[in-house]
């Protein structure tokens, strides 16, 4: 315990990265040595599944906030790190039943998860362009392998290859943007960039920031750089899609706020209109293009693009209130996403029939009434139907837009969101009113305790959030006031 306190009280040591590094080195040595000593492939996945979850819970237990020793930016990073770690625990916990059922025995899966956690937390505390680039590359390399993890599937390999090609190009653009800023200013650290007044007349700076903005919009799956997202979501295995849709976005949006609201605050006005354009385009594409989708994972992919648009809308308004709303939306979006994919995992490990098409869910309520009600509540929440949690996240974004006198934008968002409700309600219609009742699938309840716990917990939060929203609101208010 004294050693943990010593690590926590030194500003140059991040306790989470230190513990993850030690655990990652131990896991690599253990896995490689055991696989080299056995003729058969070692079945280490179950061991690493539970060990990873235990390690993250231990890190959260020793997690502490120091209001006096660290500066406000560090405390802001800690807030996002805490949300990220809690989400990572739920992602690992939700994936245990799925990986056990689909018989994935490759222990590299869980090692890649730790690499992803390590790179994401490094990205969260990064204060230099070089560290950002290295952390993003480690994260991207892990994602490329994740996207093609199911090598026997041609569709999985195709989507992963597309992700790798697009991601490599975007990495070059990001590095080129950093280089343009370094050539012009000779510095790469945030601390020194804070002290420099940037000018919109400097074309090197504007060009560099433009490339950086494009790279981050691609990483978050925002329009018009969203081409890769739905294919990767559809091609990857379900547990990987869950990881893609939840974990990286938390840190990436937190980093975008730091970069564009503070490091590049002097020239942010030159990019606010493009953020607004990307936001409205994302909401429009996510609302309209999803109507024509016939596969459930592609439908959720376009739903992710829609929610990304709402988050970007809060980024266009640099203020304490907007940062509060952005953090509030990220937390609610993450919880709803975890709930939706936990429900899909619950189905995928229970039925022998593939449920990737919307028509496969026909008359699902006949034999699975309780499950269908839970799924309907999750869909209503992500659509923004009151009084569920998803309604409040969209409602606060609209209030912020109206308070900044973007009246036409607010009207357009309300219209697009109303259109977007259609495809969520259509899926509920398929559950109850369409299909052959005799061929409806039955969901068993064998060996799914972990997934059931996640579903019940987040469904209760989703329904009961209306009665006690102050805890989350106070948490996000602190995040907003820290930086402004």
Protein backbone atom coordinates (compact mmCIF):
# COMPACT_ATOMS: atom_id res chain seq x y z
CA UNK A 1 0.00 0.00 0.00
CA UNK A 2 2.84 2.42 0.81
CA UNK A 3 4.36 1.76 -2.61
CA UNK A 4 1.02 2.55 -4.32
CA UNK A 5 0.73 5.80 -2.35
CA UNK A 6 4.31 6.69 -3.30
CA UNK A 7 3.48 6.22 -6.99
CA UNK A 8 0.30 8.25 -6.71
CA UNK A 9 2.07 11.18 -5.05
CA UNK A 10 4.71 11.65 -7.76
CA UNK A 11 3.65 13.81 -10.68
CA UNK A 12 6.10 12.18 -13.08
CA UNK A 13 4.64 8.70 -12.45
CA UNK A 14 1.19 7.70 -13.64
CA UNK A 15 0.00 4.86 -11.43
CA UNK A 16 -2.30 3.40 -14.06
CA UNK A 17 0.34 3.30 -16.79
CA UNK A 18 2.91 1.91 -14.36
CA UNK A 19 0.71 -0.97 -13.22
CA UNK A 20 -0.47 -1.71 -16.77
CA UNK A 21 3.12 -1.75 -18.02
CA UNK A 22 4.20 -4.22 -15.34
CA UNK A 23 1.18 -6.42 -15.95
CA UNK A 24 1.64 -6.28 -19.73
CA UNK A 25 5.28 -7.35 -19.50
CA UNK A 26 4.36 -10.19 -17.16
CA UNK A 27 1.53 -11.33 -19.45
CA UNK A 28 3.72 -11.29 -22.55
CA UNK A 29 6.48 -13.29 -20.87
CA UNK A 30 4.02 -15.76 -19.37
CA UNK A 31 2.09 -16.32 -22.60
CA UNK A 32 5.17 -16.66 -24.81
CA UNK A 33 7.02 -18.97 -22.41
CA UNK A 34 4.01 -21.25 -21.95
CA UNK A 35 3.28 -21.44 -25.68
CA UNK A 36 6.94 -22.29 -26.35
CA UNK A 37 6.96 -25.12 -23.78
CA UNK A 38 3.79 -26.82 -25.02
CA UNK A 39 3.22 -28.63 -28.27
CA UNK A 40 -0.49 -27.78 -28.27
CA UNK A 41 -1.80 -24.25 -28.34
CA UNK A 42 -2.18 -22.99 -24.73
CA UNK A 43 -5.72 -22.13 -23.69
CA UNK A 44 -4.91 -18.96 -21.74
CA UNK A 45 -7.83 -16.77 -22.79
CA UNK A 46 -10.03 -17.56 -19.78
CA UNK A 47 -7.12 -16.89 -17.43
CA UNK A 48 -6.33 -13.54 -19.04
CA UNK A 49 -10.03 -12.59 -19.21
CA UNK A 50 -10.51 -12.74 -15.46
CA UNK A 51 -7.02 -11.48 -14.66
CA UNK A 52 -7.44 -8.38 -16.82
CA UNK A 53 -10.74 -7.57 -15.16
CA UNK A 54 -9.21 -8.07 -11.71
CA UNK A 55 -6.21 -5.86 -12.56
CA UNK A 56 -8.43 -3.01 -13.78
CA UNK A 57 -10.67 -3.23 -10.71
CA UNK A 58 -7.54 -3.12 -8.53
CA UNK A 59 -6.28 -0.03 -10.35
CA UNK A 60 -9.64 1.71 -9.89
CA UNK A 61 -9.58 0.78 -6.19
CA UNK A 62 -6.22 2.52 -5.72
CA UNK A 63 -7.30 5.40 -7.94
CA UNK A 64 -7.13 8.75 -6.14
CA UNK A 65 -7.56 12.42 -6.96
CA UNK A 66 -5.09 15.02 -5.77
CA UNK A 67 -6.72 18.45 -6.02
CA UNK A 68 -3.72 20.33 -4.68
CA UNK A 69 -0.64 18.73 -6.15
CA UNK A 70 -1.71 18.41 -9.77
CA UNK A 71 -2.82 21.20 -12.02
CA UNK A 72 -6.34 21.44 -13.38
CA UNK A 73 -5.43 19.88 -16.74
CA UNK A 74 -4.08 16.81 -14.98
CA UNK A 75 -7.25 16.53 -12.93
CA UNK A 76 -9.30 16.81 -16.15
CA UNK A 77 -7.26 13.91 -17.57
CA UNK A 78 -7.89 11.91 -14.41
CA UNK A 79 -11.62 12.38 -14.78
CA UNK A 80 -11.62 10.98 -18.31
CA UNK A 81 -9.24 8.22 -17.27
CA UNK A 82 -11.66 7.14 -14.54
CA UNK A 83 -14.58 6.98 -16.99
CA UNK A 84 -12.36 5.05 -19.41
CA UNK A 85 -11.26 2.50 -16.80
CA UNK A 86 -14.81 1.86 -15.62
CA UNK A 87 -15.92 1.36 -19.21
CA UNK A 88 -13.00 -0.99 -19.87
CA UNK A 89 -14.02 -3.17 -16.91
CA UNK A 90 -17.56 -3.45 -18.29
CA UNK A 91 -16.29 -4.23 -21.81
CA UNK A 92 -14.07 -7.03 -20.50
CA UNK A 93 -16.82 -8.31 -18.24
CA UNK A 94 -19.34 -8.34 -21.11
CA UNK A 95 -16.95 -10.16 -23.46
CA UNK A 96 -16.23 -13.12 -21.17
CA UNK A 97 -19.43 -15.03 -21.99
CA UNK A 98 -19.16 -14.27 -25.71
CA UNK A 99 -15.53 -15.38 -26.09
CA UNK A 100 -16.27 -18.53 -24.11
CA UNK A 101 -19.24 -19.41 -26.34
CA UNK A 102 -17.65 -18.74 -29.74
CA UNK A 103 -14.59 -20.75 -28.62
CA UNK A 104 -11.90 -18.12 -29.22
CA UNK A 105 -8.84 -19.52 -27.48
CA UNK A 106 -6.20 -17.06 -28.66
CA UNK A 107 -4.71 -15.43 -25.60
CA UNK A 108 -3.37 -12.61 -27.82
CA UNK A 109 -6.90 -11.20 -27.79
CA UNK A 110 -6.65 -10.10 -24.18
CA UNK A 111 -3.08 -8.91 -24.59
CA UNK A 112 -4.26 -6.63 -27.40
CA UNK A 113 -6.93 -5.30 -25.05
CA UNK A 114 -4.22 -4.33 -22.55
CA UNK A 115 -2.20 -2.70 -25.32
CA UNK A 116 -5.32 -0.72 -26.23
CA UNK A 117 -5.82 0.38 -22.61
CA UNK A 118 -2.17 1.33 -22.25
CA UNK A 119 -2.13 3.42 -25.45
CA UNK A 120 -5.46 5.09 -24.68
CA UNK A 121 -4.42 6.17 -21.18
CA UNK A 122 -1.09 7.40 -22.57
CA UNK A 123 -3.13 9.41 -25.07
CA UNK A 124 -5.27 10.81 -22.27
CA UNK A 125 -2.25 12.25 -20.42
CA UNK A 126 -0.25 13.16 -23.53
CA UNK A 127 0.99 16.76 -23.60
CA UNK A 128 3.26 16.50 -26.62
CA UNK A 129 2.57 15.84 -30.30
CA UNK A 130 5.15 13.05 -30.42
CA UNK A 131 3.54 11.18 -27.52
CA UNK A 132 0.10 11.62 -29.13
CA UNK A 133 1.34 10.14 -32.38
CA UNK A 134 3.06 7.17 -30.74
CA UNK A 135 0.05 6.42 -28.52
CA UNK A 136 -2.35 6.65 -31.47
CA UNK A 137 -0.16 4.31 -33.53
CA UNK A 138 -0.06 1.69 -30.77
CA UNK A 139 -3.83 1.95 -30.46
CA UNK A 140 -4.33 1.77 -34.24
CA UNK A 141 -2.08 -1.28 -34.65
CA UNK A 142 -4.09 -3.09 -31.98
CA UNK A 143 -7.31 -2.14 -33.74
CA UNK A 144 -6.04 -3.37 -37.12
CA UNK A 145 -5.39 -6.80 -35.61
CA UNK A 146 -8.73 -6.75 -33.80
CA UNK A 147 -10.59 -5.90 -37.03
CA UNK A 148 -9.16 -9.00 -38.74
CA UNK A 149 -9.16 -11.30 -35.72
CA UNK A 150 -11.55 -13.78 -37.33
CA UNK A 151 -9.21 -14.79 -40.14
CA UNK A 152 -11.47 -17.53 -41.55
CA UNK A 153 -14.04 -14.89 -42.54
CA UNK A 154 -13.38 -13.21 -45.88
CA UNK A 155 -15.70 -10.34 -44.98
CA UNK A 156 -13.79 -9.80 -41.74
CA UNK A 157 -10.48 -9.73 -43.59
CA UNK A 158 -11.83 -7.34 -46.23
CA UNK A 159 -13.19 -4.84 -43.69
CA UNK A 160 -9.98 -5.04 -41.66
CA UNK A 161 -7.85 -4.41 -44.74
CA UNK A 162 -9.98 -1.38 -45.63
CA UNK A 163 -9.56 -0.07 -42.09
CA UNK A 164 -5.78 -0.59 -42.28
CA UNK A 165 -5.44 1.28 -45.59
CA UNK A 166 -7.56 4.25 -44.53
CA UNK A 167 -5.96 4.33 -41.10
CA UNK A 168 -2.44 4.36 -42.56
CA UNK A 169 -3.28 7.32 -44.79
CA UNK A 170 -4.80 9.22 -41.88
CA UNK A 171 -1.73 8.51 -39.72
CA UNK A 172 0.42 10.11 -42.43
CA UNK A 173 -1.86 13.18 -42.47
CA UNK A 174 -1.70 13.47 -38.68
CA UNK A 175 2.10 13.27 -38.67
CA UNK A 176 2.27 15.80 -41.51
CA UNK A 177 0.11 18.20 -39.50
CA UNK A 178 2.41 17.87 -36.48
CA UNK A 179 5.43 18.45 -38.72
CA UNK A 180 3.97 21.65 -40.20
CA UNK A 181 3.45 23.09 -36.72
CA UNK A 182 6.91 22.03 -35.58
CA UNK A 183 8.60 23.51 -38.68
CA UNK A 184 6.89 26.84 -38.09
CA UNK A 185 7.14 27.10 -34.28
CA UNK A 186 9.93 24.69 -33.34
CA UNK A 187 7.95 23.23 -30.41
CA UNK A 188 5.65 20.28 -29.90
CA UNK A 189 4.63 20.50 -26.23
CA UNK A 190 1.28 21.85 -25.07
CA UNK A 191 2.86 23.86 -22.23
CA UNK A 192 4.83 26.00 -24.68
CA UNK A 193 1.99 26.23 -27.21
CA UNK A 194 -0.21 27.72 -24.45
CA UNK A 195 2.14 30.69 -24.22
CA UNK A 196 2.12 31.47 -27.98
CA UNK A 197 -0.58 33.57 -29.60
CA UNK A 198 -1.45 31.77 -32.83
CA UNK A 199 -2.66 33.68 -35.87
CA UNK A 200 -5.11 32.67 -38.58
CA UNK A 201 -2.88 34.37 -41.15
CA UNK A 202 -0.12 31.80 -40.65
CA UNK A 203 -0.86 29.23 -43.35
CA UNK A 204 1.58 26.64 -41.96
CA UNK A 205 -0.29 26.61 -38.64
CA UNK A 206 -3.72 26.58 -40.28
CA UNK A 207 -2.71 23.75 -42.62
CA UNK A 208 -1.19 21.73 -39.78
CA UNK A 209 -4.24 22.11 -37.55
CA UNK A 210 -6.48 21.19 -40.50
CA UNK A 211 -4.66 17.89 -41.00
CA UNK A 212 -4.84 17.18 -37.28
CA UNK A 213 -8.58 17.91 -37.26
CA UNK A 214 -9.18 15.59 -40.24
CA UNK A 215 -7.24 12.79 -38.52
CA UNK A 216 -9.25 13.03 -35.31
CA UNK A 217 -12.56 13.25 -37.15
CA UNK A 218 -11.61 10.05 -38.95
CA UNK A 219 -10.64 8.33 -35.68
CA UNK A 220 -14.00 9.21 -34.13
CA UNK A 221 -15.97 8.15 -37.23
CA UNK A 222 -17.45 11.58 -37.96
CA UNK A 223 -18.78 12.50 -41.41
CA UNK A 224 -17.50 13.01 -44.05
CA UNK A 225 -14.72 10.66 -42.87
CA UNK A 226 -17.00 7.83 -41.79
CA UNK A 227 -16.66 5.49 -44.79
CA UNK A 228 -14.68 2.86 -42.88
CA UNK A 229 -16.81 2.70 -39.76
CA UNK A 230 -19.87 0.66 -40.79
CA UNK A 231 -17.80 -1.90 -42.73
CA UNK A 232 -15.47 -2.44 -39.77
CA UNK A 233 -18.39 -2.68 -37.33
CA UNK A 234 -20.08 -5.25 -39.56
CA UNK A 235 -16.99 -7.31 -40.31
CA UNK A 236 -15.50 -7.51 -36.81
CA UNK A 237 -16.64 -10.04 -34.23
CA UNK A 238 -19.23 -8.74 -31.81
CA UNK A 239 -16.94 -8.26 -28.80
CA UNK A 240 -14.53 -6.26 -30.97
CA UNK A 241 -17.38 -4.08 -32.26
CA UNK A 242 -18.32 -3.40 -28.65
CA UNK A 243 -14.74 -2.33 -27.93
CA UNK A 244 -14.55 -0.10 -31.04
CA UNK A 245 -17.82 1.67 -30.29
CA UNK A 246 -17.11 2.54 -26.65
CA UNK A 247 -13.51 2.69 -25.42
CA UNK A 248 -11.55 4.85 -27.92
CA UNK A 249 -14.19 7.56 -28.24
CA UNK A 250 -13.98 8.53 -24.57
CA UNK A 251 -10.30 9.46 -24.74
CA UNK A 252 -10.39 10.85 -28.29
CA UNK A 253 -13.15 13.35 -27.58
CA UNK A 254 -11.43 14.40 -24.35
CA UNK A 255 -8.23 15.00 -26.32
CA UNK A 256 -10.08 16.97 -29.03
CA UNK A 257 -11.42 19.29 -26.33
CA UNK A 258 -7.91 19.89 -24.98
CA UNK A 259 -6.44 20.51 -28.42
CA UNK A 260 -9.06 22.78 -29.94
CA UNK A 261 -10.44 24.53 -26.86
CA UNK A 262 -7.05 25.32 -25.33
CA UNK A 263 -3.94 24.56 -27.37
CA UNK A 264 -5.45 26.03 -30.56
CA UNK A 265 -7.99 28.29 -28.86
CA UNK A 266 -6.72 31.44 -30.60
CA UNK A 267 -7.53 30.04 -34.05
CA UNK A 268 -10.47 27.81 -33.12
CA UNK A 269 -12.91 30.28 -34.69
CA UNK A 270 -11.43 29.35 -38.08
CA UNK A 271 -12.37 25.69 -37.55
CA UNK A 272 -15.64 25.99 -35.64
CA UNK A 273 -17.67 26.17 -38.86
CA UNK A 274 -16.10 22.96 -40.15
CA UNK A 275 -16.84 21.25 -36.83
CA UNK A 276 -20.42 22.46 -37.18
CA UNK A 277 -20.57 21.17 -40.77
CA UNK A 278 -19.16 17.78 -39.71
CA UNK A 279 -21.61 17.64 -36.82
CA UNK A 280 -24.69 18.33 -38.94
CA UNK A 281 -23.46 16.01 -41.69
CA UNK A 282 -22.92 13.22 -39.16
CA UNK A 283 -26.39 13.68 -37.70
CA UNK A 284 -27.92 13.78 -41.19
CA UNK A 285 -26.10 10.70 -42.49
CA UNK A 286 -26.66 8.81 -39.26
CA UNK A 287 -30.38 9.61 -39.34
CA UNK A 288 -31.17 9.11 -43.04
CA UNK A 289 -28.71 6.47 -44.29
CA UNK A 290 -29.60 4.11 -41.45
CA UNK A 291 -33.17 3.86 -42.76
CA UNK A 292 -31.96 1.72 -45.67
CA UNK A 293 -29.86 -0.67 -43.59
CA UNK A 294 -30.88 -4.32 -43.32
CA UNK A 295 -28.20 -5.50 -40.88
CA UNK A 296 -28.30 -4.81 -37.18
CA UNK A 297 -24.59 -3.99 -36.72
CA UNK A 298 -24.54 -1.58 -39.66
CA UNK A 299 -27.65 0.04 -38.20
CA UNK A 300 -25.82 0.57 -34.91
CA UNK A 301 -22.81 1.85 -36.86
CA UNK A 302 -24.87 4.64 -38.39
CA UNK A 303 -26.37 5.28 -34.96
CA UNK A 304 -22.81 5.80 -33.70
CA UNK A 305 -22.20 8.36 -36.47
CA UNK A 306 -25.38 10.14 -35.39
CA UNK A 307 -24.25 10.37 -31.77
CA UNK A 308 -20.79 11.51 -32.84
CA UNK A 309 -22.50 14.45 -34.55
CA UNK A 310 -24.16 15.48 -31.29
CA UNK A 311 -20.85 15.34 -29.43
CA UNK A 312 -19.13 17.43 -32.12
CA UNK A 313 -21.94 19.94 -31.85
CA UNK A 314 -20.97 20.56 -28.22
CA UNK A 315 -17.31 20.93 -29.27
CA UNK A 316 -18.22 23.83 -31.59
CA UNK A 317 -19.11 25.96 -28.54
CA UNK A 318 -16.01 26.38 -26.32
CA UNK A 319 -17.36 27.10 -22.85
CA UNK A 320 -17.69 25.47 -19.45
CA UNK A 321 -21.34 24.66 -20.12
CA UNK A 322 -20.55 23.04 -23.48
CA UNK A 323 -17.73 20.94 -21.97
CA UNK A 324 -20.10 19.84 -19.22
CA UNK A 325 -22.73 18.81 -21.77
CA UNK A 326 -20.13 17.05 -23.92
CA UNK A 327 -18.88 15.00 -20.96
CA UNK A 328 -22.45 14.24 -19.92
CA UNK A 329 -23.29 13.05 -23.45
CA UNK A 330 -20.18 10.85 -23.65
CA UNK A 331 -21.06 9.07 -20.39
CA UNK A 332 -24.71 8.50 -21.39
CA UNK A 333 -23.74 7.41 -24.91
CA UNK A 334 -21.18 4.94 -23.53
CA UNK A 335 -23.69 3.40 -21.13
CA UNK A 336 -26.37 3.01 -23.82
CA UNK A 337 -23.83 1.54 -26.25
CA UNK A 338 -22.68 -0.99 -23.67
CA UNK A 339 -26.30 -1.90 -22.99
CA UNK A 340 -27.16 -2.39 -26.68
CA UNK A 341 -24.13 -4.56 -27.43
CA UNK A 342 -24.59 -6.54 -24.22
CA UNK A 343 -28.10 -7.36 -25.46
CA UNK A 344 -26.69 -8.42 -28.85
CA UNK A 345 -24.06 -10.57 -27.16
CA UNK A 346 -26.76 -12.14 -24.99
CA UNK A 347 -28.66 -13.11 -28.15
CA UNK A 348 -25.68 -14.26 -30.17
CA UNK A 349 -24.56 -16.78 -27.54
CA UNK A 350 -28.08 -18.07 -26.96
CA UNK A 351 -29.49 -18.81 -30.42
CA UNK A 352 -28.21 -21.22 -33.04
CA UNK A 353 -29.58 -19.01 -35.81
CA UNK A 354 -27.70 -15.94 -37.06
CA UNK A 355 -29.36 -12.67 -36.05
CA UNK A 356 -27.33 -10.25 -38.15
CA UNK A 357 -30.27 -9.22 -40.38
CA UNK A 358 -33.24 -7.22 -39.11
CA UNK A 359 -35.66 -9.81 -40.51
CA UNK A 360 -34.09 -12.44 -38.21
CA UNK A 361 -35.65 -10.61 -35.27
CA UNK A 362 -39.21 -11.14 -36.51
CA UNK A 363 -41.79 -11.89 -33.79
CA UNK A 364 -39.01 -12.11 -31.24
CA UNK A 365 -41.31 -11.13 -28.39
CA UNK A 366 -43.35 -14.34 -28.56
CA UNK A 367 -40.76 -16.50 -26.83
CA UNK A 368 -38.61 -13.73 -25.32
CA UNK A 369 -40.98 -11.11 -23.96
CA UNK A 370 -38.78 -9.84 -21.11
CA UNK A 371 -35.71 -9.58 -23.33
CA UNK A 372 -37.69 -7.75 -26.02
CA UNK A 373 -38.97 -5.21 -23.50
CA UNK A 374 -35.39 -4.56 -22.34
CA UNK A 375 -34.22 -4.16 -25.94
CA UNK A 376 -37.12 -1.80 -26.68
CA UNK A 377 -36.20 0.40 -23.71
CA UNK A 378 -32.59 0.54 -24.92
CA UNK A 379 -33.70 1.51 -28.45
CA UNK A 380 -36.10 4.17 -27.13
CA UNK A 381 -33.26 5.61 -25.05
CA UNK A 382 -30.79 5.79 -27.94
CA UNK A 383 -33.53 7.41 -30.02
CA UNK A 384 -33.98 10.11 -27.37
CA UNK A 385 -37.49 9.26 -26.14
CA UNK A 386 -38.31 10.78 -22.71
CA UNK A 387 -37.95 10.11 -19.82
CA UNK A 388 -35.07 7.71 -20.54
CA UNK A 389 -31.41 8.69 -20.09
CA UNK A 390 -30.74 9.15 -23.82
CA UNK A 391 -33.36 11.90 -23.99
CA UNK A 392 -31.55 14.10 -21.47
CA UNK A 393 -28.22 13.92 -23.31
CA UNK A 394 -29.77 15.17 -26.56
CA UNK A 395 -31.97 17.64 -24.71
CA UNK A 396 -29.01 19.36 -23.03
CA UNK A 397 -27.16 19.61 -26.34
CA UNK A 398 -30.18 21.30 -27.90
CA UNK A 399 -30.44 23.69 -24.94
CA UNK A 400 -26.79 24.64 -25.43
CA UNK A 401 -27.34 25.21 -29.15
CA UNK A 402 -30.35 27.44 -28.47
CA UNK A 403 -28.50 29.36 -25.73
CA UNK A 404 -25.78 30.18 -28.31
CA UNK A 405 -28.55 31.42 -30.67
CA UNK A 406 -28.07 28.71 -33.33
CA UNK A 407 -31.80 28.55 -33.96
CA UNK A 408 -31.69 27.14 -37.50
CA UNK A 409 -29.22 24.51 -36.37
CA UNK A 410 -31.55 23.51 -33.52
CA UNK A 411 -34.52 23.20 -35.90
CA UNK A 412 -32.46 21.08 -38.31
CA UNK A 413 -31.27 18.80 -35.52
CA UNK A 414 -34.79 18.28 -34.19
CA UNK A 415 -35.99 17.41 -37.71
CA UNK A 416 -33.15 14.96 -38.36
CA UNK A 417 -33.54 13.37 -34.93
CA UNK A 418 -37.26 12.85 -35.58
CA UNK A 419 -36.37 11.09 -38.84
CA UNK A 420 -33.76 9.02 -37.04
CA UNK A 421 -36.35 7.72 -34.57
CA UNK A 422 -37.93 5.83 -37.45
CA UNK A 423 -35.34 3.08 -37.76
CA UNK A 424 -35.27 2.43 -34.03
CA UNK A 425 -39.04 2.16 -33.90
CA UNK A 426 -38.98 0.00 -37.05
CA UNK A 427 -36.84 -2.57 -35.24
CA UNK A 428 -39.32 -2.59 -32.34
CA UNK A 429 -42.09 -3.08 -34.90
CA UNK A 430 -40.22 -6.10 -36.27
CA UNK A 431 -40.01 -7.50 -32.74
CA UNK A 432 -43.75 -7.38 -32.20
CA UNK A 433 -45.71 -7.20 -35.44
CA UNK A 434 -43.78 -8.73 -38.35
CA UNK A 435 -42.77 -12.30 -39.20
CA UNK A 436 -43.68 -15.91 -38.81
CA UNK A 437 -44.59 -16.66 -35.23
CA UNK A 438 -43.88 -20.36 -35.57
CA UNK A 439 -40.21 -19.81 -36.43
CA UNK A 440 -39.42 -17.31 -33.67
CA UNK A 441 -36.14 -17.99 -31.86
CA UNK A 442 -35.85 -18.98 -28.23
CA UNK A 443 -33.18 -17.48 -25.96
CA UNK A 444 -31.78 -19.82 -23.35
CA UNK A 445 -30.40 -18.56 -20.03
CA UNK A 446 -27.39 -20.84 -19.62
CA UNK A 447 -23.90 -19.55 -18.70
CA UNK A 448 -24.59 -15.83 -19.24
CA UNK A 449 -24.32 -14.43 -15.72
CA UNK A 450 -21.78 -11.73 -16.63
CA UNK A 451 -23.82 -10.40 -19.55
CA UNK A 452 -27.05 -10.55 -17.55
CA UNK A 453 -25.46 -8.47 -14.78
CA UNK A 454 -24.35 -5.78 -17.26
CA UNK A 455 -27.77 -5.67 -18.93
CA UNK A 456 -29.73 -5.46 -15.68
CA UNK A 457 -27.46 -2.77 -14.19
CA UNK A 458 -27.43 -0.46 -17.22
CA UNK A 459 -31.11 -1.00 -17.96
CA UNK A 460 -31.92 0.08 -14.40
CA UNK A 461 -29.71 3.15 -14.85
CA UNK A 462 -31.39 3.93 -18.17
CA UNK A 463 -34.89 3.78 -16.74
CA UNK A 464 -34.26 5.33 -13.30
CA UNK A 465 -31.89 8.11 -14.37
CA UNK A 466 -34.86 10.50 -14.49
CA UNK A 467 -35.32 10.23 -10.72
CA UNK A 468 -31.70 10.97 -9.71
CA UNK A 469 -29.68 12.75 -12.42
CA UNK A 470 -27.74 15.00 -10.02
CA UNK A 471 -24.81 12.61 -9.42
CA UNK A 472 -23.79 12.49 -13.09
CA UNK A 473 -24.59 16.16 -13.61
CA UNK A 474 -22.35 17.16 -10.69
CA UNK A 475 -19.54 14.98 -12.04
CA UNK A 476 -19.70 16.53 -15.52
CA UNK A 477 -20.07 20.03 -14.06
CA UNK A 478 -16.73 19.57 -12.29
CA UNK A 479 -15.14 18.56 -15.62
CA UNK A 480 -16.54 21.66 -17.31
CA UNK A 481 -15.42 24.04 -14.56
CA UNK A 482 -11.91 22.57 -14.35
CA UNK A 483 -10.80 23.92 -17.71
CA UNK A 484 -12.74 27.19 -17.90
